[in-house]
Amino acid sequence: MEERQKKLLKEIVESYIKNVKPIGSKSLCEKFKCSSATIRNEMAELEDLGLLEKNHISSGRIPSEKGYRYYVENLMKPKELTGEDVLKLQTIFSNRDLVLSDTINKCVEIISEITNYTSIVLGKKSKVSALQQVSIIPLNAGKIVALVCTDQGFVQNRQFTIPEHVKMEELVKTSEIINKMLIGTPIEEVSERLEYDIKPIISKRIEQYESVYHIFMEAFQNFASNVQENNIHLSGKYKLIEKPEYDNVEEIRKIASKFEDDDLIKKIEEKKDFKGINIYIGEENEFDPNVTVIKTTYHYHGEEGTIAIIGPKRMEYDRVVGLLSYINENLNEEGDL
């Protein structure tokens, strides 16, 4: 493309992002100091290249998916965060009372607030999560709650019915042995150590050790499975359908139902062959052909996952990329929350 065509495309994309109105030649003449005929010819060439398309309700042009793609790869510059935006995010990053997963979730909520788009975190604990404590809480009617937590603040409880021949004190004694020997053990190794290190010890000290052993083994296996599962935190779910693109009931219903489909949301994370910030426009993403998904990954202090922002195809790409670049710099192994 010629330089003027690039500038023209950039102006059309950014104008449509801001105003959601097809752009005609008259509005561009003064800015580019060209005749209306010259602008129309340039726009026609951009349309022939597949970068613009005609809106069905007017003679003006709007960016095509190919046009947005050219814009983000060649014309756009990430927008720097305002001081207010930086302050909001730094307030979360510096809050030592939050566990890391809560920090990330709060961060995503702020992103949604700043951009007015829907934000999602697909997070999971990595293999470095370690056992911090296991507790046995007696209930009535021969039941207990086994409470397990990790050093990353992940907590889970599981209720068990105690076999009649198992004494409560035997369960408590076993939990004390586990706490003494297995604290600091990576979660995925706990079950193995329970079998090879703990079981031989309780076989000598606990009368009904087989039944006790199976209760703890089931609790830890269930915990280890859940701690690795994706945790979906969605913020600003209805911000997307408030955009003018979604002006009919069927379209609103379709998008709203997709946000209720965890399996579909998890597909956002499936593409692993990327680093940094990646942009999927329209048909490029598997969530919905009428949206753009911009995402980045994080891996920090034992937690890893994906942060994604979902908006219309006319998303403020420069602002979103600037935000995610800042998040990316602060949520990595070298960063310092």
C-alpha atoms as a PDB file:
ATOM      1  CA  MET A   1       0.000   0.000   0.000  1.00  0.00           C
ATOM      2  CA  GLU A   2       0.986   3.572  -0.575  1.00  0.00           C
ATOM      3  CA  GLU A   3       1.643   5.747   2.454  1.00  0.00           C
ATOM      4  CA  ARG A   4      -1.556   7.728   2.011  1.00  0.00           C
ATOM      5  CA  GLN A   5      -3.599   4.537   1.849  1.00  0.00           C
ATOM      6  CA  LYS A   6      -2.038   3.355   5.104  1.00  0.00           C
ATOM      7  CA  LYS A   7      -2.885   6.634   6.806  1.00  0.00           C
ATOM      8  CA  LEU A   8      -6.375   6.489   5.343  1.00  0.00           C
ATOM      9  CA  LEU A   9      -6.939   2.951   6.604  1.00  0.00           C
ATOM     10  CA  LYS A  10      -5.651   3.907  10.058  1.00  0.00           C
ATOM     11  CA  GLU A  11      -8.020   6.878  10.182  1.00  0.00           C
ATOM     12  CA  ILE A  12     -11.011   4.798   9.059  1.00  0.00           C
ATOM     13  CA  VAL A  13     -10.313   2.020  11.577  1.00  0.00           C
ATOM     14  CA  GLU A  14      -9.816   4.380  14.507  1.00  0.00           C
ATOM     15  CA  SER A  15     -12.812   6.513  13.555  1.00  0.00           C
ATOM     16  CA  TYR A  16     -15.066   3.462  13.309  1.00  0.00           C
ATOM     17  CA  ILE A  17     -13.779   2.110  16.616  1.00  0.00           C
ATOM     18  CA  LYS A  18     -14.667   5.376  18.282  1.00  0.00           C
ATOM     19  CA  ASN A  19     -17.937   6.321  16.575  1.00  0.00           C
ATOM     20  CA  VAL A  20     -19.383   3.044  15.240  1.00  0.00           C
ATOM     21  CA  LYS A  21     -20.400   4.859  12.059  1.00  0.00           C
ATOM     22  CA  PRO A  22     -19.459   3.954   8.472  1.00  0.00           C
ATOM     23  CA  ILE A  23     -16.996   6.457   7.039  1.00  0.00           C
ATOM     24  CA  GLY A  24     -17.743   8.353   3.844  1.00  0.00           C
ATOM     25  CA  SER A  25     -15.327  10.258   1.639  1.00  0.00           C
ATOM     26  CA  LYS A  26     -16.592  13.734   2.584  1.00  0.00           C
ATOM     27  CA  SER A  27     -15.503  13.407   6.222  1.00  0.00           C
ATOM     28  CA  LEU A  28     -11.950  12.556   5.115  1.00  0.00           C
ATOM     29  CA  CYS A  29     -11.390  15.246   2.495  1.00  0.00           C
ATOM     30  CA  GLU A  30     -10.423  18.039   4.856  1.00  0.00           C
ATOM     31  CA  LYS A  31      -8.141  15.871   6.976  1.00  0.00           C
ATOM     32  CA  PHE A  32      -6.226  14.518   3.979  1.00  0.00           C
ATOM     33  CA  LYS A  33      -6.535  17.715   1.902  1.00  0.00           C
ATOM     34  CA  CYS A  34      -7.771  15.735  -1.082  1.00  0.00           C
ATOM     35  CA  SER A  35     -10.821  15.903  -3.278  1.00  0.00           C
ATOM     36  CA  SER A  36     -13.773  13.665  -2.568  1.00  0.00           C
ATOM     37  CA  ALA A  37     -13.087  11.797  -5.810  1.00  0.00           C
ATOM     38  CA  THR A  38      -9.485  11.047  -4.770  1.00  0.00           C
ATOM     39  CA  ILE A  39     -10.614   9.725  -1.388  1.00  0.00           C
ATOM     40  CA  ARG A  40     -13.303   7.573  -3.036  1.00  0.00           C
ATOM     41  CA  ASN A  41     -10.716   6.085  -5.376  1.00  0.00           C
ATOM     42  CA  GLU A  42      -8.355   5.316  -2.490  1.00  0.00           C
ATOM     43  CA  MET A  43     -11.193   3.751  -0.491  1.00  0.00           C
ATOM     44  CA  ALA A  44     -12.191   1.684  -3.501  1.00  0.00           C
ATOM     45  CA  GLU A  45      -8.634   0.366  -3.778  1.00  0.00           C
ATOM     46  CA  LEU A  46      -8.624  -0.498  -0.059  1.00  0.00           C
ATOM     47  CA  GLU A  47     -11.919  -2.298  -0.611  1.00  0.00           C
ATOM     48  CA  ASP A  48     -10.435  -4.214  -3.561  1.00  0.00           C
ATOM     49  CA  LEU A  49      -7.578  -5.270  -1.251  1.00  0.00           C
ATOM     50  CA  GLY A  50     -10.172  -6.651   1.179  1.00  0.00           C
ATOM     51  CA  LEU A  51      -9.281  -4.149   3.910  1.00  0.00           C
ATOM     52  CA  LEU A  52     -12.580  -2.250   3.839  1.00  0.00           C
ATOM     53  CA  GLU A  53     -16.140  -3.329   3.179  1.00  0.00           C
ATOM     54  CA  LYS A  54     -19.369  -1.496   2.522  1.00  0.00           C
ATOM     55  CA  ASN A  55     -21.906  -1.238   5.262  1.00  0.00           C
ATOM     56  CA  HIS A  56     -25.249  -2.604   4.139  1.00  0.00           C
ATOM     57  CA  ILE A  57     -27.188   0.427   5.360  1.00  0.00           C
ATOM     58  CA  SER A  58     -25.062   3.187   3.832  1.00  0.00           C
ATOM     59  CA  SER A  59     -22.509   3.991   1.167  1.00  0.00           C
ATOM     60  CA  GLY A  60     -19.802   4.420   3.790  1.00  0.00           C
ATOM     61  CA  ARG A  61     -17.067   1.880   4.468  1.00  0.00           C
ATOM     62  CA  ILE A  62     -16.131  -0.013   7.587  1.00  0.00           C
ATOM     63  CA  PRO A  63     -12.993  -2.067   8.322  1.00  0.00           C
ATOM     64  CA  SER A  64     -13.082  -5.739   7.374  1.00  0.00           C
ATOM     65  CA  GLU A  65     -11.481  -8.423   9.517  1.00  0.00           C
ATOM     66  CA  LYS A  66      -8.510  -8.282   7.160  1.00  0.00           C
ATOM     67  CA  GLY A  67      -8.434  -4.509   7.644  1.00  0.00           C
ATOM     68  CA  TYR A  68      -8.340  -4.845  11.422  1.00  0.00           C
ATOM     69  CA  ARG A  69      -5.596  -7.445  11.077  1.00  0.00           C
ATOM     70  CA  TYR A  70      -3.475  -5.134   8.921  1.00  0.00           C
ATOM     71  CA  TYR A  71      -4.109  -2.316  11.386  1.00  0.00           C
ATOM     72  CA  VAL A  72      -2.956  -4.225  14.478  1.00  0.00           C
ATOM     73  CA  GLU A  73       0.105  -5.670  12.746  1.00  0.00           C
ATOM     74  CA  ASN A  74       1.311  -2.597  10.860  1.00  0.00           C
ATOM     75  CA  LEU A  75      -0.352   0.643  11.939  1.00  0.00           C
ATOM     76  CA  MET A  76      -1.272   0.437  15.612  1.00  0.00           C
ATOM     77  CA  LYS A  77       0.932   1.495  18.499  1.00  0.00           C
ATOM     78  CA  PRO A  78       0.040   0.271  22.018  1.00  0.00           C
ATOM     79  CA  LYS A  79      -1.358   3.116  24.095  1.00  0.00           C
ATOM     80  CA  GLU A  80       0.423   3.963  27.327  1.00  0.00           C
ATOM     81  CA  LEU A  81      -1.600   3.587  30.500  1.00  0.00           C
ATOM     82  CA  THR A  82      -2.842   6.702  32.223  1.00  0.00           C
ATOM     83  CA  GLY A  83      -1.577   7.466  35.701  1.00  0.00           C
ATOM     84  CA  GLU A  84      -5.004   6.594  37.061  1.00  0.00           C
ATOM     85  CA  ASP A  85      -4.981   3.176  35.396  1.00  0.00           C
ATOM     86  CA  VAL A  86      -1.468   2.430  36.678  1.00  0.00           C
ATOM     87  CA  LEU A  87      -2.500   3.422  40.199  1.00  0.00           C
ATOM     88  CA  LYS A  88      -5.519   1.104  40.127  1.00  0.00           C
ATOM     89  CA  LEU A  89      -3.411  -1.872  39.059  1.00  0.00           C
ATOM     90  CA  GLN A  90      -0.491  -1.117  41.364  1.00  0.00           C
ATOM     91  CA  THR A  91      -2.890  -0.924  44.306  1.00  0.00           C
ATOM     92  CA  ILE A  92      -3.831  -4.542  43.583  1.00  0.00           C
ATOM     93  CA  PHE A  93      -0.264  -5.707  42.889  1.00  0.00           C
ATOM     94  CA  SER A  94       0.983  -4.241  46.166  1.00  0.00           C
ATOM     95  CA  ASN A  95      -1.817  -5.627  48.343  1.00  0.00           C
ATOM     96  CA  ARG A  96       0.001  -8.240  50.443  1.00  0.00           C
ATOM     97  CA  ASP A  97      -3.244  -9.389  52.074  1.00  0.00           C
ATOM     98  CA  LEU A  98      -4.394 -10.994  48.807  1.00  0.00           C
ATOM     99  CA  VAL A  99      -3.337 -14.473  47.762  1.00  0.00           C
ATOM    100  CA  LEU A 100      -2.004 -14.545  44.217  1.00  0.00           C
ATOM    101  CA  SER A 101      -5.158 -15.984  42.651  1.00  0.00           C
ATOM    102  CA  ASP A 102      -7.200 -13.151  44.176  1.00  0.00           C
ATOM    103  CA  THR A 103      -4.668 -10.608  42.912  1.00  0.00           C
ATOM    104  CA  ILE A 104      -5.094 -11.918  39.369  1.00  0.00           C
ATOM    105  CA  ASN A 105      -8.890 -11.991  39.645  1.00  0.00           C
ATOM    106  CA  LYS A 106      -9.000  -8.416  40.981  1.00  0.00           C
ATOM    107  CA  CYS A 107      -6.658  -7.377  38.201  1.00  0.00           C
ATOM    108  CA  VAL A 108      -9.053  -8.794  35.605  1.00  0.00           C
ATOM    109  CA  GLU A 109     -11.964  -6.960  37.216  1.00  0.00           C
ATOM    110  CA  ILE A 110     -10.054  -3.690  36.897  1.00  0.00           C
ATOM    111  CA  ILE A 111      -9.258  -4.444  33.241  1.00  0.00           C
ATOM    112  CA  SER A 112     -12.973  -4.891  32.577  1.00  0.00           C
ATOM    113  CA  GLU A 113     -13.736  -1.651  34.390  1.00  0.00           C
ATOM    114  CA  ILE A 114     -11.073   0.298  32.467  1.00  0.00           C
ATOM    115  CA  THR A 115     -11.876  -1.074  29.003  1.00  0.00           C
ATOM    116  CA  ASN A 116     -15.617  -1.636  29.390  1.00  0.00           C
ATOM    117  CA  TYR A 117     -15.147  -5.064  27.801  1.00  0.00           C
ATOM    118  CA  THR A 118     -15.571  -8.578  29.178  1.00  0.00           C
ATOM    119  CA  SER A 119     -12.447  -9.967  30.864  1.00  0.00           C
ATOM    120  CA  ILE A 120     -11.669 -13.565  31.718  1.00  0.00           C
ATOM    121  CA  VAL A 121      -8.945 -15.310  33.675  1.00  0.00           C
ATOM    122  CA  LEU A 122      -8.410 -18.999  33.019  1.00  0.00           C
ATOM    123  CA  GLY A 123      -6.064 -19.964  35.802  1.00  0.00           C
ATOM    124  CA  LYS A 124      -4.702 -23.122  37.293  1.00  0.00           C
ATOM    125  CA  LYS A 125      -2.218 -23.995  39.979  1.00  0.00           C
ATOM    126  CA  SER A 126       1.037 -25.265  38.590  1.00  0.00           C
ATOM    127  CA  LYS A 127       2.939 -28.281  39.849  1.00  0.00           C
ATOM    128  CA  VAL A 128       4.893 -26.232  42.374  1.00  0.00           C
ATOM    129  CA  SER A 129       1.858 -25.840  44.653  1.00  0.00           C
ATOM    130  CA  ALA A 130       2.813 -27.516  47.924  1.00  0.00           C
ATOM    131  CA  LEU A 131       0.847 -28.922  50.828  1.00  0.00           C
ATOM    132  CA  GLN A 132       0.571 -26.487  53.713  1.00  0.00           C
ATOM    133  CA  GLN A 133      -1.855 -28.193  56.068  1.00  0.00           C
ATOM    134  CA  VAL A 134      -4.448 -30.926  56.392  1.00  0.00           C
ATOM    135  CA  SER A 135      -7.078 -30.758  59.125  1.00  0.00           C
ATOM    136  CA  ILE A 136      -9.829 -33.065  60.337  1.00  0.00           C
ATOM    137  CA  ILE A 137     -13.018 -31.358  61.532  1.00  0.00           C
ATOM    138  CA  PRO A 138     -15.530 -33.616  63.342  1.00  0.00           C
ATOM    139  CA  LEU A 139     -19.203 -33.281  62.440  1.00  0.00           C
ATOM    140  CA  ASN A 140     -22.197 -35.038  63.934  1.00  0.00           C
ATOM    141  CA  ALA A 141     -23.639 -38.403  62.938  1.00  0.00           C
ATOM    142  CA  GLY A 142     -20.272 -40.023  62.280  1.00  0.00           C
ATOM    143  CA  LYS A 143     -19.090 -37.559  59.673  1.00  0.00           C
ATOM    144  CA  ILE A 144     -15.941 -35.477  59.242  1.00  0.00           C
ATOM    145  CA  VAL A 145     -14.635 -32.760  56.958  1.00  0.00           C
ATOM    146  CA  ALA A 146     -11.101 -33.148  55.636  1.00  0.00           C
ATOM    147  CA  LEU A 147      -9.664 -29.673  54.984  1.00  0.00           C
ATOM    148  CA  VAL A 148      -6.600 -29.392  52.714  1.00  0.00           C
ATOM    149  CA  CYS A 149      -4.761 -26.203  51.765  1.00  0.00           C
ATOM    150  CA  THR A 150      -1.638 -25.302  49.799  1.00  0.00           C
ATOM    151  CA  ASP A 151       1.035 -22.651  50.142  1.00  0.00           C
ATOM    152  CA  GLN A 152      -0.638 -20.772  47.272  1.00  0.00           C
ATOM    153  CA  GLY A 153      -3.847 -20.291  49.257  1.00  0.00           C
ATOM    154  CA  PHE A 154      -5.887 -22.964  47.492  1.00  0.00           C
ATOM    155  CA  VAL A 155      -8.293 -24.569  49.976  1.00  0.00           C
ATOM    156  CA  GLN A 156     -10.677 -27.472  49.572  1.00  0.00           C
ATOM    157  CA  ASN A 157     -12.838 -29.443  51.954  1.00  0.00           C
ATOM    158  CA  ARG A 158     -14.346 -32.867  51.488  1.00  0.00           C
ATOM    159  CA  GLN A 159     -16.948 -34.500  53.690  1.00  0.00           C
ATOM    160  CA  PHE A 160     -16.619 -38.200  54.642  1.00  0.00           C
ATOM    161  CA  THR A 161     -18.767 -40.653  56.539  1.00  0.00           C
ATOM    162  CA  ILE A 162     -16.553 -42.483  59.018  1.00  0.00           C
ATOM    163  CA  PRO A 163     -16.846 -46.287  59.060  1.00  0.00           C
ATOM    164  CA  GLU A 164     -18.220 -47.456  62.399  1.00  0.00           C
ATOM    165  CA  HIS A 165     -15.001 -49.256  63.326  1.00  0.00           C
ATOM    166  CA  VAL A 166     -12.815 -46.140  62.818  1.00  0.00           C
ATOM    167  CA  LYS A 167     -12.195 -43.890  65.811  1.00  0.00           C
ATOM    168  CA  MET A 168     -12.035 -40.119  65.483  1.00  0.00           C
ATOM    169  CA  GLU A 169      -8.756 -39.952  67.367  1.00  0.00           C
ATOM    170  CA  GLU A 170      -7.153 -42.240  64.779  1.00  0.00           C
ATOM    171  CA  LEU A 171      -8.023 -39.772  62.020  1.00  0.00           C
ATOM    172  CA  VAL A 172      -6.704 -36.843  64.030  1.00  0.00           C
ATOM    173  CA  LYS A 173      -3.489 -38.692  64.850  1.00  0.00           C
ATOM    174  CA  THR A 174      -2.961 -39.541  61.162  1.00  0.00           C
ATOM    175  CA  SER A 175      -3.499 -35.907  60.137  1.00  0.00           C
ATOM    176  CA  GLU A 176      -0.837 -34.887  62.694  1.00  0.00           C
ATOM    177  CA  ILE A 177       1.622 -37.384  61.185  1.00  0.00           C
ATOM    178  CA  ILE A 178       0.878 -36.089  57.685  1.00  0.00           C
ATOM    179  CA  ASN A 179       1.375 -32.487  58.774  1.00  0.00           C
ATOM    180  CA  LYS A 180       4.677 -33.368  60.407  1.00  0.00           C
ATOM    181  CA  MET A 181       6.081 -35.301  57.459  1.00  0.00           C
ATOM    182  CA  LEU A 182       4.506 -33.918  54.270  1.00  0.00           C
ATOM    183  CA  ILE A 183       4.307 -30.144  54.700  1.00  0.00           C
ATOM    184  CA  GLY A 184       6.064 -28.557  51.732  1.00  0.00           C
ATOM    185  CA  THR A 185       5.536 -31.598  49.491  1.00  0.00           C
ATOM    186  CA  PRO A 186       4.352 -30.717  45.942  1.00  0.00           C
ATOM    187  CA  ILE A 187       0.665 -31.564  45.640  1.00  0.00           C
ATOM    188  CA  GLU A 188       1.131 -34.038  42.805  1.00  0.00           C
ATOM    189  CA  GLU A 189       3.584 -36.033  44.980  1.00  0.00           C
ATOM    190  CA  VAL A 190       1.433 -36.222  48.125  1.00  0.00           C
ATOM    191  CA  SER A 191      -0.507 -39.357  47.176  1.00  0.00           C
ATOM    192  CA  GLU A 192       2.686 -41.260  46.411  1.00  0.00           C
ATOM    193  CA  ARG A 193       4.295 -40.224  49.682  1.00  0.00           C
ATOM    194  CA  LEU A 194       1.099 -41.063  51.524  1.00  0.00           C
ATOM    195  CA  GLU A 195       1.416 -44.625  50.267  1.00  0.00           C
ATOM    196  CA  TYR A 196       5.165 -45.145  50.672  1.00  0.00           C
ATOM    197  CA  ASP A 197       6.001 -42.945  53.680  1.00  0.00           C
ATOM    198  CA  ILE A 198       2.838 -42.512  55.733  1.00  0.00           C
ATOM    199  CA  LYS A 199       1.094 -45.865  55.331  1.00  0.00           C
ATOM    200  CA  PRO A 200       3.978 -47.919  56.811  1.00  0.00           C
ATOM    201  CA  ILE A 201       4.022 -45.632  59.872  1.00  0.00           C
ATOM    202  CA  ILE A 202       0.291 -45.645  60.569  1.00  0.00           C
ATOM    203  CA  SER A 203       0.151 -49.414  60.050  1.00  0.00           C
ATOM    204  CA  LYS A 204       2.101 -49.664  63.318  1.00  0.00           C
ATOM    205  CA  ARG A 205       0.241 -46.940  65.232  1.00  0.00           C
ATOM    206  CA  ILE A 206      -3.348 -46.996  63.966  1.00  0.00           C
ATOM    207  CA  GLU A 207      -5.594 -49.990  64.545  1.00  0.00           C
ATOM    208  CA  GLN A 208      -7.822 -49.479  61.489  1.00  0.00           C
ATOM    209  CA  TYR A 209      -5.043 -48.021  59.353  1.00  0.00           C
ATOM    210  CA  GLU A 210      -6.361 -49.345  56.020  1.00  0.00           C
ATOM    211  CA  SER A 211      -9.684 -47.512  56.370  1.00  0.00           C
ATOM    212  CA  VAL A 212      -7.956 -44.371  57.627  1.00  0.00           C
ATOM    213  CA  TYR A 213      -5.413 -44.530  54.815  1.00  0.00           C
ATOM    214  CA  HIS A 214      -8.155 -44.752  52.168  1.00  0.00           C
ATOM    215  CA  ILE A 215      -9.982 -41.714  53.576  1.00  0.00           C
ATOM    216  CA  PHE A 216      -6.865 -39.548  53.290  1.00  0.00           C
ATOM    217  CA  MET A 217      -5.874 -41.007  49.932  1.00  0.00           C
ATOM    218  CA  GLU A 218      -9.301 -40.199  48.471  1.00  0.00           C
ATOM    219  CA  ALA A 219      -9.171 -36.677  49.902  1.00  0.00           C
ATOM    220  CA  PHE A 220      -5.729 -35.975  48.418  1.00  0.00           C
ATOM    221  CA  GLN A 221      -6.455 -37.509  45.016  1.00  0.00           C
ATOM    222  CA  ASN A 222      -9.619 -35.436  44.716  1.00  0.00           C
ATOM    223  CA  PHE A 223      -7.709 -32.352  45.845  1.00  0.00           C
ATOM    224  CA  ALA A 224      -4.799 -32.912  43.437  1.00  0.00           C
ATOM    225  CA  SER A 225      -7.251 -33.273  40.567  1.00  0.00           C
ATOM    226  CA  ASN A 226      -9.130 -30.087  41.406  1.00  0.00           C
ATOM    227  CA  VAL A 227      -6.041 -28.011  42.083  1.00  0.00           C
ATOM    228  CA  GLN A 228      -4.909 -28.581  38.492  1.00  0.00           C
ATOM    229  CA  GLU A 229      -8.269 -27.790  36.919  1.00  0.00           C
ATOM    230  CA  ASN A 230      -8.953 -24.517  35.187  1.00  0.00           C
ATOM    231  CA  ASN A 231     -10.450 -21.855  37.390  1.00  0.00           C
ATOM    232  CA  ILE A 232     -12.639 -19.490  35.359  1.00  0.00           C
ATOM    233  CA  HIS A 233     -13.155 -15.979  36.663  1.00  0.00           C
ATOM    234  CA  LEU A 234     -15.278 -13.802  34.411  1.00  0.00           C
ATOM    235  CA  SER A 235     -15.738 -10.073  34.894  1.00  0.00           C
ATOM    236  CA  GLY A 236     -18.033  -7.702  33.036  1.00  0.00           C
ATOM    237  CA  LYS A 237     -20.021 -10.514  31.453  1.00  0.00           C
ATOM    238  CA  TYR A 238     -22.726  -8.170  30.164  1.00  0.00           C
ATOM    239  CA  LYS A 239     -20.471  -5.332  29.037  1.00  0.00           C
ATOM    240  CA  LEU A 240     -20.066  -6.887  25.604  1.00  0.00           C
ATOM    241  CA  ILE A 241     -23.785  -7.167  24.877  1.00  0.00           C
ATOM    242  CA  GLU A 242     -24.233  -3.514  25.835  1.00  0.00           C
ATOM    243  CA  LYS A 243     -22.291  -2.521  22.708  1.00  0.00           C
ATOM    244  CA  PRO A 244     -24.304  -1.165  19.760  1.00  0.00           C
ATOM    245  CA  GLU A 245     -23.289  -4.159  17.602  1.00  0.00           C
ATOM    246  CA  TYR A 246     -25.647  -6.276  19.678  1.00  0.00           C
ATOM    247  CA  ASP A 247     -28.936  -4.586  18.893  1.00  0.00           C
ATOM    248  CA  ASN A 248     -31.204  -7.580  18.479  1.00  0.00           C
ATOM    249  CA  VAL A 249     -32.521 -10.054  20.989  1.00  0.00           C
ATOM    250  CA  GLU A 250     -31.260 -13.171  19.215  1.00  0.00           C
ATOM    251  CA  GLU A 251     -27.679 -11.920  19.050  1.00  0.00           C
ATOM    252  CA  ILE A 252     -27.763 -10.908  22.718  1.00  0.00           C
ATOM    253  CA  ARG A 253     -29.185 -14.299  23.713  1.00  0.00           C
ATOM    254  CA  LYS A 254     -26.530 -16.135  21.684  1.00  0.00           C
ATOM    255  CA  ILE A 255     -23.602 -14.262  23.253  1.00  0.00           C
ATOM    256  CA  ALA A 256     -25.062 -14.471  26.768  1.00  0.00           C
ATOM    257  CA  SER A 257     -25.434 -18.255  26.443  1.00  0.00           C
ATOM    258  CA  LYS A 258     -21.812 -18.583  25.337  1.00  0.00           C
ATOM    259  CA  PHE A 259     -20.626 -16.908  28.517  1.00  0.00           C
ATOM    260  CA  GLU A 260     -22.467 -19.610  30.466  1.00  0.00           C
ATOM    261  CA  ASP A 261     -20.644 -22.395  28.598  1.00  0.00           C
ATOM    262  CA  ASP A 262     -17.460 -23.211  30.540  1.00  0.00           C
ATOM    263  CA  ASP A 263     -16.251 -25.658  27.894  1.00  0.00           C
ATOM    264  CA  LEU A 264     -16.462 -22.971  25.229  1.00  0.00           C
ATOM    265  CA  ILE A 265     -14.699 -20.432  27.441  1.00  0.00           C
ATOM    266  CA  LYS A 266     -11.909 -22.922  28.126  1.00  0.00           C
ATOM    267  CA  LYS A 267     -11.249 -23.137  24.392  1.00  0.00           C
ATOM    268  CA  ILE A 268      -9.878 -19.600  24.617  1.00  0.00           C
ATOM    269  CA  GLU A 269      -6.865 -21.086  26.390  1.00  0.00           C
ATOM    270  CA  GLU A 270      -6.344 -24.068  24.097  1.00  0.00           C
ATOM    271  CA  LYS A 271      -3.931 -22.489  21.611  1.00  0.00           C
ATOM    272  CA  LYS A 272      -0.551 -22.898  23.280  1.00  0.00           C
ATOM    273  CA  ASP A 273       1.696 -21.882  20.389  1.00  0.00           C
ATOM    274  CA  PHE A 274       1.942 -18.230  21.337  1.00  0.00           C
ATOM    275  CA  LYS A 275       3.905 -15.894  23.549  1.00  0.00           C
ATOM    276  CA  GLY A 276       3.330 -12.327  24.606  1.00  0.00           C
ATOM    277  CA  ILE A 277       0.015 -10.854  23.486  1.00  0.00           C
ATOM    278  CA  ASN A 278      -2.096 -12.479  20.803  1.00  0.00           C
ATOM    279  CA  ILE A 279      -5.080 -11.086  18.945  1.00  0.00           C
ATOM    280  CA  TYR A 280      -7.799 -13.245  17.366  1.00  0.00           C
ATOM    281  CA  ILE A 281     -10.228 -11.238  15.227  1.00  0.00           C
ATOM    282  CA  GLY A 282     -13.641 -12.562  14.231  1.00  0.00           C
ATOM    283  CA  GLU A 283     -13.333 -15.921  12.498  1.00  0.00           C
ATOM    284  CA  GLU A 284      -9.814 -16.352  13.946  1.00  0.00           C
ATOM    285  CA  ASN A 285     -11.207 -17.158  17.402  1.00  0.00           C
ATOM    286  CA  GLU A 286     -13.329 -20.129  18.423  1.00  0.00           C
ATOM    287  CA  PHE A 287     -15.534 -18.201  20.832  1.00  0.00           C
ATOM    288  CA  ASP A 288     -17.670 -16.178  18.435  1.00  0.00           C
ATOM    289  CA  PRO A 289     -17.091 -14.866  14.877  1.00  0.00           C
ATOM    290  CA  ASN A 290     -18.422 -11.411  15.769  1.00  0.00           C
ATOM    291  CA  VAL A 291     -15.913 -10.645  18.526  1.00  0.00           C
ATOM    292  CA  THR A 292     -12.209 -10.136  19.014  1.00  0.00           C
ATOM    293  CA  VAL A 293     -10.290 -12.028  21.696  1.00  0.00           C
ATOM    294  CA  ILE A 294      -7.000 -10.570  22.941  1.00  0.00           C
ATOM    295  CA  LYS A 295      -5.074 -12.657  25.415  1.00  0.00           C
ATOM    296  CA  THR A 296      -1.807 -13.161  27.218  1.00  0.00           C
ATOM    297  CA  THR A 297      -0.447 -15.801  29.571  1.00  0.00           C
ATOM    298  CA  TYR A 298       1.015 -15.492  33.039  1.00  0.00           C
ATOM    299  CA  HIS A 299       3.239 -17.765  35.092  1.00  0.00           C
ATOM    300  CA  TYR A 300       4.041 -16.421  38.509  1.00  0.00           C
ATOM    301  CA  HIS A 301       4.878 -17.997  41.875  1.00  0.00           C
ATOM    302  CA  GLY A 302       3.304 -21.358  41.158  1.00  0.00           C
ATOM    303  CA  GLU A 303       0.243 -20.169  39.266  1.00  0.00           C
ATOM    304  CA  GLU A 304      -0.230 -20.070  35.547  1.00  0.00           C
ATOM    305  CA  GLY A 305      -3.042 -19.311  33.177  1.00  0.00           C
ATOM    306  CA  THR A 306      -4.477 -17.002  30.561  1.00  0.00           C
ATOM    307  CA  ILE A 307      -5.965 -13.529  30.769  1.00  0.00           C
ATOM    308  CA  ALA A 308      -8.314 -12.704  27.901  1.00  0.00           C
ATOM    309  CA  ILE A 309     -10.325  -9.661  26.924  1.00  0.00           C
ATOM    310  CA  ILE A 310     -13.373 -10.113  24.711  1.00  0.00           C
ATOM    311  CA  GLY A 311     -14.873  -7.196  22.838  1.00  0.00           C
ATOM    312  CA  PRO A 312     -16.397  -6.260  19.504  1.00  0.00           C
ATOM    313  CA  LYS A 313     -14.232  -6.442  16.393  1.00  0.00           C
ATOM    314  CA  ARG A 314     -13.957  -2.650  16.585  1.00  0.00           C
ATOM    315  CA  MET A 315     -12.209  -3.020  19.946  1.00  0.00           C
ATOM    316  CA  GLU A 316      -9.799  -0.316  21.108  1.00  0.00           C
ATOM    317  CA  TYR A 317      -6.831  -2.485  20.184  1.00  0.00           C
ATOM    318  CA  ASP A 318      -4.171   0.038  21.166  1.00  0.00           C
ATOM    319  CA  ARG A 319      -5.566   0.483  24.666  1.00  0.00           C
ATOM    320  CA  VAL A 320      -6.171  -3.212  25.322  1.00  0.00           C
ATOM    321  CA  VAL A 321      -2.706  -4.209  24.097  1.00  0.00           C
ATOM    322  CA  GLY A 322      -1.173  -1.480  26.246  1.00  0.00           C
ATOM    323  CA  LEU A 323      -3.026  -2.796  29.297  1.00  0.00           C
ATOM    324  CA  LEU A 324      -2.112  -6.423  28.702  1.00  0.00           C
ATOM    325  CA  SER A 325       1.514  -5.447  28.066  1.00  0.00           C
ATOM    326  CA  TYR A 326       1.584  -3.849  31.502  1.00  0.00           C
ATOM    327  CA  ILE A 327      -0.066  -6.898  33.079  1.00  0.00           C
ATOM    328  CA  ASN A 328       2.358  -9.177  31.268  1.00  0.00           C
ATOM    329  CA  GLU A 329       5.329  -7.272  32.669  1.00  0.00           C
ATOM    330  CA  ASN A 330       3.985  -7.513  36.218  1.00  0.00           C
ATOM    331  CA  LEU A 331       2.795 -11.135  36.181  1.00  0.00           C
ATOM    332  CA  ASN A 332       5.836 -13.179  35.280  1.00  0.00           C
ATOM    333  CA  GLU A 333       8.497 -15.080  37.185  1.00  0.00           C
ATOM    334  CA  GLU A 334      10.912 -12.177  37.132  1.00  0.00           C
ATOM    335  CA  GLY A 335       8.329  -9.602  38.195  1.00  0.00           C
ATOM    336  CA  ASP A 336       7.916  -8.378  41.709  1.00  0.00           C
ATOM    337  CA  LEU A 337       4.386  -8.017  42.959  1.00  0.00           C
END
